[in-house]
Amino acid sequence: MNAGDLRERVTVMAYRETKNQMGEMVPVYDQTFATVWASVQGVTAREFLLSGQQQSEVSHRVRMRYLTGLTQQMRLSWRGRTLEIISILERNNRSEHELLCQEAV
């Protein structure tokens, strides 16, 4: 992985559950797991259509150095936007992660 490609600062937010006022368990992403340099790219129209066949709407591809403990339940915060992790791919003998993400509304 070329370090020059990692130009974006991305915060990985950890998942936890807490009770709301009605006593229901709700997900909360208020703890920073890690802040890393990454490459964030929007997917092409072709990739978007192909991902639609898999019942997921992938909007971004994020590449970063391998991060131990990273799970699909976590979220990314990038430029004031929230990206939900759809899939985590390990590349180059576990030296980097490629994340397929969907922008949260």
Protein backbone atom coordinates (compact mmCIF):
# COMPACT_ATOMS: atom_id res chain seq x y z
CA MET A 1 0.00 0.00 0.00
CA ASN A 2 1.35 3.39 -0.98
CA ALA A 3 1.34 5.72 2.03
CA GLY A 4 0.64 8.68 -0.28
CA ASP A 5 -2.78 7.22 -1.10
CA LEU A 6 -3.86 7.45 2.55
CA ARG A 7 -4.89 11.13 2.55
CA GLU A 8 -8.12 11.11 4.52
CA ARG A 9 -8.45 11.13 8.31
CA VAL A 10 -11.09 8.57 9.35
CA THR A 11 -12.39 7.87 12.86
CA VAL A 12 -13.55 4.33 13.63
CA MET A 13 -16.41 4.44 16.13
CA ALA A 14 -17.01 1.47 18.45
CA TYR A 15 -20.45 -0.10 18.90
CA ARG A 16 -22.11 -0.58 22.26
CA GLU A 17 -25.68 -0.96 23.49
CA THR A 18 -27.40 1.18 26.08
CA LYS A 19 -30.92 1.54 27.41
CA ASN A 20 -33.11 4.41 26.24
CA GLN A 21 -35.81 6.13 28.34
CA MET A 22 -38.25 3.31 27.60
CA GLY A 23 -35.82 0.61 28.74
CA GLU A 24 -35.10 -0.66 25.20
CA MET A 25 -31.58 -1.58 24.16
CA VAL A 26 -30.37 0.76 21.39
CA PRO A 27 -27.02 0.94 19.56
CA VAL A 28 -24.71 3.83 20.38
CA TYR A 29 -21.53 4.85 18.55
CA ASP A 30 -20.01 7.36 20.96
CA GLN A 31 -16.58 5.86 21.62
CA THR A 32 -13.58 6.28 19.34
CA PHE A 33 -11.94 2.92 18.58
CA ALA A 34 -9.17 4.40 16.41
CA THR A 35 -8.33 7.37 14.20
CA VAL A 36 -6.41 6.34 11.08
CA TRP A 37 -5.28 7.57 7.68
CA ALA A 38 -7.25 6.01 4.84
CA SER A 39 -8.16 6.23 1.18
CA VAL A 40 -11.89 6.90 0.71
CA GLN A 41 -13.42 6.52 -2.76
CA GLY A 42 -16.97 6.59 -4.02
CA VAL A 43 -17.92 3.50 -6.01
CA THR A 44 -18.68 3.71 -9.71
CA ALA A 45 -22.18 3.33 -11.13
CA ARG A 46 -21.29 -0.17 -12.39
CA GLU A 47 -20.08 -1.26 -8.94
CA PHE A 48 -23.19 0.24 -7.38
CA LEU A 49 -25.47 -1.75 -9.72
CA LEU A 50 -23.54 -4.96 -9.08
CA SER A 51 -23.76 -4.45 -5.33
CA GLY A 52 -27.54 -4.01 -5.68
CA GLN A 53 -27.74 -7.62 -6.80
CA GLN A 54 -26.33 -8.59 -3.40
CA GLN A 55 -29.05 -6.65 -1.52
CA SER A 56 -26.65 -4.00 -0.26
CA GLU A 57 -26.03 -0.44 -1.33
CA VAL A 58 -22.29 0.10 -1.24
CA SER A 59 -21.51 3.80 -1.66
CA HIS A 60 -17.83 4.01 -0.62
CA ARG A 61 -14.69 1.89 -0.64
CA VAL A 62 -12.25 2.63 2.19
CA ARG A 63 -8.68 1.30 2.27
CA MET A 64 -6.51 1.50 5.39
CA ARG A 65 -3.69 -0.32 7.09
CA TYR A 66 -4.73 -3.48 8.94
CA LEU A 67 -6.50 -2.61 12.19
CA THR A 68 -6.69 -5.36 14.80
CA GLY A 69 -10.14 -5.70 16.35
CA LEU A 70 -12.07 -4.03 13.51
CA THR A 71 -15.61 -5.46 13.14
CA GLN A 72 -18.64 -4.90 10.90
CA GLN A 73 -20.61 -3.50 13.84
CA MET A 74 -18.37 -0.41 13.91
CA ARG A 75 -18.94 2.79 11.92
CA LEU A 76 -16.64 5.29 10.29
CA SER A 77 -16.81 9.04 10.68
CA TRP A 78 -15.32 10.90 7.70
CA ARG A 79 -15.68 14.60 6.83
CA GLY A 80 -18.77 14.87 9.00
CA ARG A 81 -20.37 11.88 7.28
CA THR A 82 -21.17 8.48 8.77
CA LEU A 83 -20.26 5.31 6.87
CA GLU A 84 -21.68 1.96 7.97
CA ILE A 85 -19.40 -1.02 7.28
CA ILE A 86 -21.05 -3.57 4.97
CA SER A 87 -18.03 -5.83 4.44
CA ILE A 88 -14.42 -6.10 5.62
CA LEU A 89 -11.84 -7.58 3.25
CA GLU A 90 -8.29 -8.40 4.31
CA ARG A 91 -5.69 -7.73 1.62
CA ASN A 92 -1.97 -8.42 1.15
CA ASN A 93 -1.53 -11.05 3.84
CA ARG A 94 -3.35 -9.02 6.53
CA SER A 95 -1.39 -5.83 5.98
CA GLU A 96 -4.40 -3.77 4.90
CA HIS A 97 -8.18 -3.64 5.14
CA GLU A 98 -10.59 -2.79 2.36
CA LEU A 99 -14.02 -1.80 3.68
CA LEU A 100 -17.17 -1.63 1.60
CA CYS A 101 -19.41 0.95 3.22
CA GLN A 102 -22.85 2.50 2.93
CA GLU A 103 -23.43 6.13 3.88
CA ALA A 104 -25.89 6.45 6.75
CA VAL A 105 -28.75 8.89 6.37
